[in-house]
Amino acid sequence: MPDAITVLNAGSSSIKFSLFIQRGDALEPDLRGQIEGIYTSPRFTAKDPSGKVLGEKAWDQGTRLGHDGALDHLIGFLRGELSDHRLVGIGHRVVHGGMEFTQPVRMDVATLKALEKFVPLAPLHQPHNLTPIRVLLERAPQVPQVACFDTSFHRGNPPVSQLYALPAGYAEAGVRRYGFHGLSYEFIASALPDYDVRAGAAKTVVLHLGNGASMCAMENGKSVASTMGFTAVEGLPMGTRCGSIDPGVILYLMDQRGMDARAIEKLIYNQSGLLGMSGISSDMRALLASEDPRARLALDVFVYRIRRELGSLVAALGGLDALVFTAGIGEKAAPIRDRVCRDAAWTGVELDPAANSNHGPRISTQQSRTAAWVIPTNEELMIARHTRRLLGSA
């Protein structure tokens, strides 16, 4: 009976899941899906790797299924799917591991409580990431669970890259640059040598461009610096997040606009970025298709900020050998890649327009001094690998 690993990624209104089957040394995807709208109008779908629907269900409008009810349905579905397999573990994406958790960890009640300390550092993500762990510890304590952290990949950054210029006591209390999207960057670091052996051991900037967007400087497959910092709102403008902003703006909003912390949180996380600048959409596809000048301006700012951050990361690396685009925008938005690569011509990137239109994988010319690639990320597989490794050595 083959072993199986389930991967869960819980958000505020959805739970995404994947199932991997161990065949020899490989972890092969068996199915994936999600339960979305779990507090408003829940919808469940599950598909095999070819896209064939294996299960689906919709609840009545206004149904508040919640995380508990969503997990109940998911557990029941997976029990049927796992009748010929042995579930050996469940891996979870957890945004924040703080300074304490630098590697994936097997979960128990004490570790769960330790991770709850980081809720104030990631209030929009951490509570929801931890909810399935808590529920499963209660309902299925016999099933091993592993938490994998988006911050861990950046813990080896040099101290000068992690510190803010604040009194030392704040850093000791945890106010420092953590960096995020680490599971995505870790997967790219593991996959890059298969595309470009030289780049895998050299100076590379990876652009994780999606609804959440960031960039990471890597050398020899290790993180050196990231555009995200204390929270996942710093750095590039994103779908609805503002990216880096002068702290004085926050003080102005408090003093002159009378906004409290929750109102400012809503502004910088949910009402800004591409959505806020364009007034149209947070969806890159809609903005690229729009003739509205506001959409063009939002795209101009997005690309400009990438250009600025790229210069910073190349300086941190002391040079550049490769660019890698990944995540939804990075993998699918050829016009954005075109603009970024043309802006990056000073680094030695020479774009191949035809290859870029076909989404690569290599989108730079063979003569280009700096290579440019499109590599699909796979955070779920990274989590499954970590789960297998940790439980195999437990």
Protein backbone atom coordinates (compact mmCIF):
# COMPACT_ATOMS: atom_id res chain seq x y z
CA MET A 1 0.00 0.00 0.00
CA PRO A 2 1.71 3.25 -1.15
CA ASP A 3 2.28 6.07 1.31
CA ALA A 4 0.44 9.35 0.84
CA ILE A 5 1.01 12.89 2.10
CA THR A 6 -1.66 15.58 2.22
CA VAL A 7 -0.71 19.26 2.01
CA LEU A 8 -3.02 21.96 3.39
CA ASN A 9 -2.84 25.72 2.86
CA ALA A 10 -5.56 27.47 4.86
CA GLY A 11 -6.52 31.09 4.28
CA SER A 12 -9.17 33.33 5.76
CA SER A 13 -11.96 32.02 3.51
CA SER A 14 -10.53 28.92 1.83
CA ILE A 15 -8.55 25.74 2.33
CA LYS A 16 -6.41 24.56 -0.58
CA PHE A 17 -5.25 20.95 -0.55
CA SER A 18 -3.02 18.58 -2.48
CA LEU A 19 -2.41 14.85 -2.24
CA PHE A 20 0.95 13.28 -3.15
CA ILE A 21 1.63 9.56 -3.50
CA GLN A 22 5.05 8.06 -2.78
CA ARG A 23 6.19 5.94 -5.72
CA GLY A 24 9.80 4.87 -5.37
CA ASP A 25 11.78 7.98 -4.52
CA ALA A 26 9.28 10.28 -6.19
CA LEU A 27 6.31 12.16 -4.76
CA GLU A 28 3.71 12.19 -7.51
CA PRO A 29 0.69 14.53 -7.46
CA ASP A 30 -2.56 12.60 -7.21
CA LEU A 31 -5.15 15.33 -6.79
CA ARG A 32 -5.58 18.93 -5.72
CA GLY A 33 -8.44 21.28 -5.02
CA GLN A 34 -9.94 23.72 -2.58
CA ILE A 35 -12.93 24.65 -0.49
CA GLU A 36 -13.52 28.36 -0.98
CA GLY A 37 -16.06 30.85 0.33
CA ILE A 38 -16.29 28.86 3.55
CA TYR A 39 -18.08 31.67 5.45
CA THR A 40 -20.38 32.88 2.66
CA SER A 41 -21.12 30.44 -0.17
CA PRO A 42 -18.91 27.34 0.16
CA ARG A 43 -17.77 25.53 -2.97
CA PHE A 44 -15.64 22.38 -3.07
CA THR A 45 -13.71 21.07 -6.06
CA ALA A 46 -11.07 18.38 -6.45
CA LYS A 47 -9.26 17.44 -9.67
CA ASP A 48 -6.65 14.94 -10.77
CA PRO A 49 -3.40 16.11 -12.46
CA SER A 50 -5.08 16.05 -15.89
CA GLY A 51 -7.82 18.39 -14.71
CA LYS A 52 -10.56 15.76 -14.47
CA VAL A 53 -13.05 16.61 -11.72
CA LEU A 54 -12.99 13.97 -8.98
CA GLY A 55 -15.36 15.68 -6.59
CA GLU A 56 -17.40 18.84 -6.27
CA LYS A 57 -20.06 20.26 -4.02
CA ALA A 58 -21.74 23.62 -3.48
CA TRP A 59 -23.57 24.74 -0.36
CA ASP A 60 -26.47 27.20 -0.18
CA GLN A 61 -25.74 30.92 -0.38
CA GLY A 62 -25.13 32.27 3.11
CA THR A 63 -23.92 28.96 4.56
CA ARG A 64 -21.19 29.48 7.15
CA LEU A 65 -19.29 26.24 6.84
CA GLY A 66 -16.19 27.67 8.53
CA HIS A 67 -12.82 26.01 8.80
CA ASP A 68 -14.15 23.20 11.02
CA GLY A 69 -16.94 22.25 8.63
CA ALA A 70 -14.64 22.57 5.62
CA LEU A 71 -12.14 20.22 7.23
CA ASP A 72 -14.91 17.74 8.08
CA HIS A 73 -15.93 17.61 4.42
CA LEU A 74 -12.35 17.41 3.22
CA ILE A 75 -11.46 14.61 5.65
CA GLY A 76 -14.46 12.60 4.51
CA PHE A 77 -13.52 13.06 0.86
CA LEU A 78 -9.88 12.14 1.40
CA ARG A 79 -10.79 9.00 3.35
CA GLY A 80 -12.51 7.72 0.24
CA GLU A 81 -9.60 8.71 -2.00
CA LEU A 82 -7.07 7.13 0.36
CA SER A 83 -8.73 3.71 0.56
CA ASP A 84 -5.81 2.19 -1.35
CA HIS A 85 -3.11 4.34 0.28
CA ARG A 86 -1.65 4.90 3.73
CA LEU A 87 -1.73 8.50 4.96
CA VAL A 88 1.64 9.03 6.65
CA GLY A 89 1.45 12.76 7.31
CA ILE A 90 -0.11 16.14 6.69
CA GLY A 91 2.03 19.13 5.78
CA HIS A 92 0.88 22.70 6.36
CA ARG A 93 1.98 26.05 4.98
CA VAL A 94 2.48 28.45 7.88
CA VAL A 95 3.47 31.99 7.03
CA HIS A 96 5.49 32.91 10.10
CA GLY A 97 8.04 30.91 12.06
CA GLY A 98 9.74 33.90 13.69
CA MET A 99 13.40 33.58 14.60
CA GLU A 100 12.78 30.36 16.50
CA PHE A 101 11.56 28.07 13.72
CA THR A 102 14.21 27.96 11.02
CA GLN A 103 13.21 24.50 9.72
CA PRO A 104 9.95 22.54 9.30
CA VAL A 105 8.71 21.13 12.59
CA ARG A 106 6.44 18.30 13.70
CA MET A 107 3.38 19.71 15.38
CA ASP A 108 2.08 19.12 18.89
CA VAL A 109 0.09 21.24 21.31
CA ALA A 110 3.16 22.98 22.74
CA THR A 111 4.51 23.88 19.29
CA LEU A 112 1.10 25.17 18.25
CA LYS A 113 1.08 27.52 21.25
CA ALA A 114 4.57 28.71 20.36
CA LEU A 115 3.45 29.53 16.82
CA GLU A 116 0.45 31.45 18.11
CA LYS A 117 2.92 34.01 19.48
CA PHE A 118 3.53 35.13 15.90
CA VAL A 119 -0.10 35.98 15.18
CA PRO A 120 0.57 39.71 15.82
CA LEU A 121 3.36 39.56 13.19
CA ALA A 122 1.06 38.06 10.53
CA PRO A 123 -2.51 38.74 11.69
CA LEU A 124 -4.10 38.16 8.29
CA HIS A 125 -2.45 34.78 7.70
CA GLN A 126 -1.13 33.06 10.82
CA PRO A 127 -4.46 32.42 12.64
CA HIS A 128 -5.95 30.73 9.58
CA ASN A 129 -2.78 28.71 8.86
CA LEU A 130 -2.92 27.31 12.39
CA THR A 131 -6.65 26.50 12.54
CA PRO A 132 -6.49 23.17 10.63
CA ILE A 133 -3.51 22.10 12.74
CA ARG A 134 -5.49 22.74 15.92
CA VAL A 135 -8.59 20.95 14.63
CA LEU A 136 -6.63 17.92 13.42
CA LEU A 137 -4.67 17.65 16.68
CA GLU A 138 -8.03 17.29 18.39
CA ARG A 139 -9.81 15.06 15.87
CA ALA A 140 -7.00 12.97 14.39
CA PRO A 141 -4.10 13.07 16.87
CA GLN A 142 -2.69 9.84 15.45
CA VAL A 143 -1.87 11.50 12.10
CA PRO A 144 1.53 13.26 12.17
CA GLN A 145 1.45 16.92 11.12
CA VAL A 146 4.33 19.10 9.93
CA ALA A 147 4.42 22.90 9.70
CA CYS A 148 6.56 24.47 6.96
CA PHE A 149 7.31 28.18 7.16
CA ASP A 150 7.46 30.92 4.56
CA THR A 151 10.08 32.72 6.63
CA SER A 152 12.57 29.87 7.11
CA PHE A 153 14.36 30.16 3.76
CA HIS A 154 15.50 33.69 4.65
CA ARG A 155 16.82 32.98 8.13
CA GLY A 156 20.35 32.66 6.80
CA ASN A 157 20.36 36.25 5.48
CA PRO A 158 23.26 38.35 6.81
CA PRO A 159 22.40 40.30 9.98
CA VAL A 160 22.75 43.61 8.11
CA SER A 161 19.99 42.43 5.78
CA GLN A 162 17.66 41.55 8.64
CA LEU A 163 17.96 44.59 10.90
CA TYR A 164 15.99 47.83 10.90
CA ALA A 165 17.76 50.96 12.15
CA LEU A 166 15.86 50.95 15.44
CA PRO A 167 17.16 50.66 19.01
CA ALA A 168 18.55 47.17 19.60
CA GLY A 169 15.78 46.16 21.98
CA TYR A 170 13.23 46.14 19.18
CA ALA A 171 15.18 43.62 17.13
CA GLU A 172 15.61 41.45 20.21
CA ALA A 173 11.83 41.56 20.63
CA GLY A 174 11.35 40.35 17.06
CA VAL A 175 11.04 43.57 15.05
CA ARG A 176 13.26 42.70 12.11
CA ARG A 177 13.12 41.74 8.45
CA TYR A 178 11.85 38.18 8.04
CA GLY A 179 11.06 37.83 4.33
CA PHE A 180 8.26 35.64 2.97
CA HIS A 181 7.36 33.41 0.00
CA GLY A 182 10.22 31.26 1.24
CA LEU A 183 8.67 27.93 0.22
CA SER A 184 8.33 29.19 -3.34
CA TYR A 185 11.91 30.46 -3.42
CA GLU A 186 13.17 27.23 -1.90
CA PHE A 187 11.44 25.22 -4.61
CA ILE A 188 12.93 27.43 -7.35
CA ALA A 189 16.37 27.04 -5.78
CA SER A 190 15.95 23.25 -5.92
CA ALA A 191 14.66 23.28 -9.52
CA LEU A 192 16.96 25.89 -11.07
CA PRO A 193 19.97 23.58 -11.58
CA ASP A 194 17.78 21.36 -13.79
CA TYR A 195 17.28 24.36 -16.10
CA ASP A 196 20.64 26.11 -15.74
CA VAL A 197 23.48 24.50 -13.80
CA ARG A 198 25.49 27.71 -13.79
CA ALA A 199 22.62 29.82 -12.46
CA GLY A 200 21.89 27.29 -9.72
CA ALA A 201 25.32 27.95 -8.25
CA ALA A 202 25.57 31.65 -9.08
CA LYS A 203 23.93 35.03 -8.39
CA THR A 204 20.21 34.93 -9.16
CA VAL A 205 17.22 37.17 -8.52
CA VAL A 206 13.88 35.37 -8.38
CA LEU A 207 10.69 37.35 -8.97
CA HIS A 208 7.67 35.76 -7.27
CA LEU A 209 4.98 37.84 -8.94
CA GLY A 210 1.40 37.04 -8.05
CA ASN A 211 -1.39 38.66 -6.07
CA GLY A 212 1.30 38.75 -3.41
CA ALA A 213 4.59 39.81 -4.97
CA SER A 214 8.19 39.83 -3.82
CA MET A 215 11.74 39.36 -5.06
CA CYS A 216 14.63 37.40 -3.58
CA ALA A 217 18.38 37.60 -4.19
CA MET A 218 19.98 34.14 -4.06
CA GLU A 219 23.56 33.00 -4.28
CA ASN A 220 24.37 29.32 -4.66
CA GLY A 221 20.73 28.51 -3.92
CA LYS A 222 20.65 30.43 -0.62
CA SER A 223 18.66 33.55 0.19
CA VAL A 224 20.77 36.68 0.58
CA ALA A 225 18.08 39.40 0.69
CA SER A 226 14.36 39.81 0.07
CA THR A 227 12.05 42.71 -0.71
CA MET A 228 9.60 41.68 2.04
CA GLY A 229 10.47 42.47 5.62
CA PHE A 230 8.68 42.48 8.98
CA THR A 231 5.39 41.73 7.24
CA ALA A 232 4.26 40.52 3.84
CA VAL A 233 3.19 44.06 2.91
CA GLU A 234 6.68 45.51 2.45
CA GLY A 235 8.43 45.74 -0.91
CA LEU A 236 6.63 45.64 -4.26
CA PRO A 237 3.08 46.91 -4.78
CA MET A 238 0.82 43.86 -5.03
CA GLY A 239 -2.74 43.00 -5.96
CA THR A 240 -4.27 44.84 -3.01
CA ARG A 241 -1.22 45.59 -0.82
CA CYS A 242 0.62 48.89 -1.08
CA GLY A 243 4.18 47.62 -0.72
CA SER A 244 6.83 49.83 0.87
CA ILE A 245 5.52 53.12 2.19
CA ASP A 246 7.06 55.98 4.15
CA PRO A 247 6.19 55.37 7.84
CA GLY A 248 5.33 59.06 7.98
CA VAL A 249 2.30 58.31 5.81
CA ILE A 250 0.97 56.04 8.55
CA LEU A 251 1.46 58.80 11.14
CA TYR A 252 -0.30 61.25 8.82
CA LEU A 253 -3.27 58.91 8.41
CA MET A 254 -3.54 58.57 12.18
CA ASP A 255 -3.10 62.26 13.03
CA GLN A 256 -4.84 63.97 10.12
CA ARG A 257 -7.35 61.40 8.92
CA GLY A 258 -8.24 59.95 12.31
CA MET A 259 -7.65 56.38 11.15
CA ASP A 260 -7.04 53.69 13.75
CA ALA A 261 -4.84 50.62 13.38
CA ARG A 262 -7.58 48.43 11.92
CA ALA A 263 -8.58 51.02 9.32
CA ILE A 264 -4.94 51.45 8.27
CA GLU A 265 -4.51 47.68 8.15
CA LYS A 266 -7.49 47.41 5.80
CA LEU A 267 -6.10 50.21 3.64
CA ILE A 268 -2.58 48.86 3.19
CA TYR A 269 -3.54 45.18 2.88
CA ASN A 270 -6.89 45.18 1.07
CA GLN A 271 -7.54 48.51 -0.66
CA SER A 272 -4.19 49.48 -2.16
CA GLY A 273 -1.73 48.06 -4.69
CA LEU A 274 -2.93 47.47 -8.25
CA LEU A 275 -6.55 47.69 -7.11
CA GLY A 276 -6.13 50.96 -5.29
CA MET A 277 -4.03 52.65 -7.98
CA SER A 278 -6.25 51.57 -10.88
CA GLY A 279 -9.64 51.70 -9.21
CA ILE A 280 -10.47 48.83 -11.58
CA SER A 281 -9.11 45.48 -10.46
CA SER A 282 -6.34 43.68 -8.63
CA ASP A 283 -6.20 41.12 -11.46
CA MET A 284 -3.23 41.59 -13.76
CA ARG A 285 -5.17 40.11 -16.69
CA ALA A 286 -7.89 42.74 -16.39
CA LEU A 287 -5.37 45.57 -16.17
CA LEU A 288 -3.39 44.37 -19.19
CA ALA A 289 -6.62 44.19 -21.19
CA SER A 290 -7.82 47.64 -20.11
CA GLU A 291 -7.40 50.87 -22.07
CA ASP A 292 -8.12 52.95 -18.97
CA PRO A 293 -5.20 55.33 -18.20
CA ARG A 294 -5.46 54.37 -14.53
CA ALA A 295 -4.76 50.74 -15.40
CA ARG A 296 -1.70 51.75 -17.41
CA LEU A 297 -0.47 53.91 -14.55
CA ALA A 298 -0.85 51.04 -12.08
CA LEU A 299 1.19 48.78 -14.37
CA ASP A 300 3.81 51.49 -14.82
CA VAL A 301 4.24 51.79 -11.04
CA PHE A 302 4.37 48.00 -10.64
CA VAL A 303 7.13 47.62 -13.26
CA TYR A 304 9.00 50.67 -11.99
CA ARG A 305 9.10 49.31 -8.46
CA ILE A 306 10.44 45.99 -9.79
CA ARG A 307 13.16 47.95 -11.58
CA ARG A 308 14.10 49.79 -8.38
CA GLU A 309 14.12 46.65 -6.24
CA LEU A 310 16.12 44.73 -8.84
CA GLY A 311 18.86 47.34 -8.64
CA SER A 312 18.93 46.98 -4.87
CA LEU A 313 19.12 43.17 -4.97
CA VAL A 314 21.82 43.12 -7.65
CA ALA A 315 23.83 45.49 -5.44
CA ALA A 316 23.34 43.15 -2.47
CA LEU A 317 24.61 40.25 -4.58
CA GLY A 318 27.45 42.18 -6.15
CA GLY A 319 26.41 41.11 -9.64
CA LEU A 320 23.82 39.05 -11.50
CA ASP A 321 23.92 35.84 -13.51
CA ALA A 322 20.22 34.98 -13.88
CA LEU A 323 16.66 36.23 -13.49
CA VAL A 324 13.81 33.82 -12.75
CA PHE A 325 10.11 34.66 -13.06
CA THR A 326 7.59 32.57 -11.14
CA ALA A 327 4.04 32.56 -9.64
CA GLY A 328 0.87 33.61 -11.48
CA ILE A 329 1.99 36.90 -13.05
CA GLY A 330 5.60 35.80 -13.42
CA GLU A 331 4.63 32.59 -15.21
CA LYS A 332 1.78 33.89 -17.40
CA ALA A 333 2.08 37.65 -18.02
CA ALA A 334 4.48 37.90 -20.98
CA PRO A 335 4.04 41.70 -21.34
CA ILE A 336 5.20 42.25 -17.75
CA ARG A 337 8.23 40.00 -18.25
CA ASP A 338 9.01 41.87 -21.47
CA ARG A 339 9.05 45.23 -19.70
CA VAL A 340 11.05 43.95 -16.73
CA CYS A 341 13.70 42.34 -18.92
CA ARG A 342 14.03 45.42 -21.12
CA ASP A 343 14.42 47.55 -17.98
CA ALA A 344 17.07 45.08 -16.81
CA ALA A 345 19.15 45.30 -20.00
CA TRP A 346 21.84 47.05 -17.94
CA THR A 347 22.35 43.76 -16.05
CA GLY A 348 23.15 41.88 -19.26
CA VAL A 349 19.69 40.46 -20.00
CA GLU A 350 18.86 40.21 -23.71
CA LEU A 351 15.22 39.17 -24.17
CA ASP A 352 14.11 36.65 -26.80
CA PRO A 353 10.61 37.98 -27.66
CA ALA A 354 9.43 34.75 -29.30
CA ALA A 355 10.50 32.62 -26.34
CA ASN A 356 8.88 35.08 -23.96
CA SER A 357 5.59 34.90 -25.88
CA ASN A 358 5.73 31.10 -25.51
CA HIS A 359 6.45 31.44 -21.77
CA GLY A 360 9.95 29.98 -22.01
CA PRO A 361 11.31 28.28 -20.06
CA ARG A 362 14.34 30.28 -21.24
CA ILE A 363 13.26 33.74 -22.38
CA SER A 364 16.70 35.28 -22.95
CA THR A 365 18.79 34.79 -26.07
CA GLN A 366 21.55 32.21 -26.06
CA GLN A 367 24.06 35.08 -26.30
CA SER A 368 22.62 36.89 -23.28
CA ARG A 369 25.25 37.47 -20.60
CA THR A 370 22.53 37.15 -17.94
CA ALA A 371 20.02 34.34 -18.44
CA ALA A 372 16.27 34.84 -17.89
CA TRP A 373 13.93 31.97 -17.13
CA VAL A 374 10.27 31.21 -16.45
CA ILE A 375 10.02 28.38 -13.91
CA PRO A 376 6.68 27.31 -12.40
CA THR A 377 6.77 27.23 -8.63
CA ASN A 378 5.38 24.36 -6.56
CA GLU A 379 5.10 25.22 -2.89
CA GLU A 380 2.88 22.20 -2.26
CA LEU A 381 5.53 19.77 -3.49
CA MET A 382 8.13 21.56 -1.35
CA ILE A 383 5.92 21.09 1.71
CA ALA A 384 5.34 17.42 0.84
CA ARG A 385 9.10 16.88 0.53
CA HIS A 386 9.73 18.50 3.89
CA THR A 387 6.97 16.42 5.48
CA ARG A 388 8.36 13.16 4.10
CA ARG A 389 11.89 14.03 5.18
CA LEU A 390 10.95 15.07 8.69
CA LEU A 391 8.62 12.16 9.37
CA GLY A 392 11.03 9.71 7.79
CA SER A 393 13.68 10.71 10.31
CA ALA A 394 11.28 10.90 13.26
